Amino acid sequence: MEQEELRLQLNELKNELFNLRFQLATGQLENPLKLKGV
């Protein structure tokens, strides 16, 4: 992969992790195992 593709993938994963943590904190996370997959 090129460096730019890796950077984009990293940003997407960081956003997904942020959203999952936010859902966990507010009690809206349906599947807590999703956190381990990120």
N, C-alpha and C. Protein backbone atom coordinates (compact mmCIF):
# COMPACT_ATOMS: atom_id res chain seq x y z
N MET A 1 0.84 -1.19 0.00
CA MET A 1 0.00 0.00 0.00
C MET A 1 0.88 1.25 0.00
N GLU A 2 0.36 2.24 -0.58
CA GLU A 2 1.09 3.49 -0.57
C GLU A 2 0.87 4.19 0.77
N GLN A 3 1.72 5.11 1.05
CA GLN A 3 1.67 5.81 2.32
C GLN A 3 0.35 6.56 2.50
N GLU A 4 -0.16 7.15 1.45
CA GLU A 4 -1.42 7.90 1.55
C GLU A 4 -2.59 6.97 1.86
N GLU A 5 -2.59 5.78 1.25
CA GLU A 5 -3.65 4.81 1.53
C GLU A 5 -3.60 4.37 2.99
N LEU A 6 -2.40 4.15 3.51
CA LEU A 6 -2.26 3.76 4.91
C LEU A 6 -2.74 4.88 5.84
N ARG A 7 -2.43 6.10 5.46
CA ARG A 7 -2.86 7.24 6.28
C ARG A 7 -4.39 7.34 6.31
N LEU A 8 -5.02 7.12 5.16
CA LEU A 8 -6.49 7.16 5.09
C LEU A 8 -7.11 6.04 5.91
N GLN A 9 -6.53 4.85 5.81
CA GLN A 9 -7.06 3.72 6.58
C GLN A 9 -6.90 3.97 8.07
N LEU A 10 -5.78 4.54 8.48
CA LEU A 10 -5.55 4.85 9.88
C LEU A 10 -6.59 5.85 10.39
N ASN A 11 -6.88 6.88 9.60
CA ASN A 11 -7.88 7.87 10.00
C ASN A 11 -9.26 7.24 10.13
N GLU A 12 -9.61 6.35 9.21
CA GLU A 12 -10.91 5.68 9.28
C GLU A 12 -11.01 4.82 10.53
N LEU A 13 -9.95 4.08 10.85
CA LEU A 13 -9.97 3.23 12.03
C LEU A 13 -10.02 4.05 13.32
N LYS A 14 -9.32 5.18 13.33
CA LYS A 14 -9.37 6.05 14.51
C LYS A 14 -10.78 6.60 14.72
N ASN A 15 -11.43 6.99 13.63
CA ASN A 15 -12.80 7.49 13.73
C ASN A 15 -13.75 6.40 14.20
N GLU A 16 -13.58 5.20 13.68
CA GLU A 16 -14.43 4.08 14.09
C GLU A 16 -14.23 3.78 15.57
N LEU A 17 -12.98 3.77 16.02
CA LEU A 17 -12.69 3.51 17.42
C LEU A 17 -13.29 4.59 18.31
N PHE A 18 -13.18 5.84 17.90
CA PHE A 18 -13.78 6.94 18.66
C PHE A 18 -15.28 6.75 18.80
N ASN A 19 -15.93 6.42 17.68
CA ASN A 19 -17.38 6.23 17.71
C ASN A 19 -17.78 5.06 18.60
N LEU A 20 -17.03 3.96 18.54
CA LEU A 20 -17.34 2.81 19.38
C LEU A 20 -17.15 3.13 20.86
N ARG A 21 -16.09 3.85 21.18
CA ARG A 21 -15.86 4.24 22.58
C ARG A 21 -16.96 5.18 23.07
N PHE A 22 -17.39 6.07 22.21
CA PHE A 22 -18.47 6.99 22.57
C PHE A 22 -19.76 6.22 22.83
N GLN A 23 -20.05 5.24 21.97
CA GLN A 23 -21.24 4.42 22.15
C GLN A 23 -21.15 3.62 23.45
N LEU A 24 -19.96 3.12 23.77
CA LEU A 24 -19.76 2.37 25.00
C LEU A 24 -20.02 3.26 26.22
N ALA A 25 -19.51 4.48 26.17
CA ALA A 25 -19.66 5.41 27.29
C ALA A 25 -21.10 5.83 27.49
N THR A 26 -21.87 5.89 26.42
CA THR A 26 -23.27 6.32 26.54
C THR A 26 -24.23 5.14 26.65
N GLY A 27 -23.69 3.92 26.68
CA GLY A 27 -24.53 2.74 26.83
C GLY A 27 -25.27 2.35 25.57
N GLN A 28 -24.82 2.81 24.41
CA GLN A 28 -25.51 2.52 23.16
C GLN A 28 -24.80 1.45 22.33
N LEU A 29 -23.70 0.91 22.84
CA LEU A 29 -22.94 -0.08 22.08
C LEU A 29 -23.66 -1.42 22.14
N GLU A 30 -24.06 -1.93 20.97
CA GLU A 30 -24.81 -3.17 20.90
C GLU A 30 -23.90 -4.39 21.07
N ASN A 31 -22.70 -4.32 20.52
CA ASN A 31 -21.80 -5.46 20.57
C ASN A 31 -20.43 -5.01 21.08
N PRO A 32 -20.14 -5.19 22.38
CA PRO A 32 -18.86 -4.74 22.95
C PRO A 32 -17.64 -5.41 22.32
N LEU A 33 -17.83 -6.56 21.68
CA LEU A 33 -16.69 -7.23 21.05
C LEU A 33 -16.18 -6.48 19.83
N LYS A 34 -16.95 -5.53 19.32
CA LYS A 34 -16.49 -4.72 18.18
C LYS A 34 -15.25 -3.92 18.55
N LEU A 35 -15.12 -3.55 19.82
CA LEU A 35 -13.96 -2.77 20.24
C LEU A 35 -12.67 -3.56 20.06
N LYS A 36 -12.72 -4.86 20.25
CA LYS A 36 -11.52 -5.68 20.11
C LYS A 36 -11.12 -5.83 18.65
N GLY A 37 -12.07 -5.66 17.74
CA GLY A 37 -11.78 -5.82 16.32
C GLY A 37 -11.13 -4.61 15.68
N VAL A 38 -11.11 -3.52 16.40
CA VAL A 38 -10.57 -2.28 15.82
C VAL A 38 -9.16 -2.05 16.28
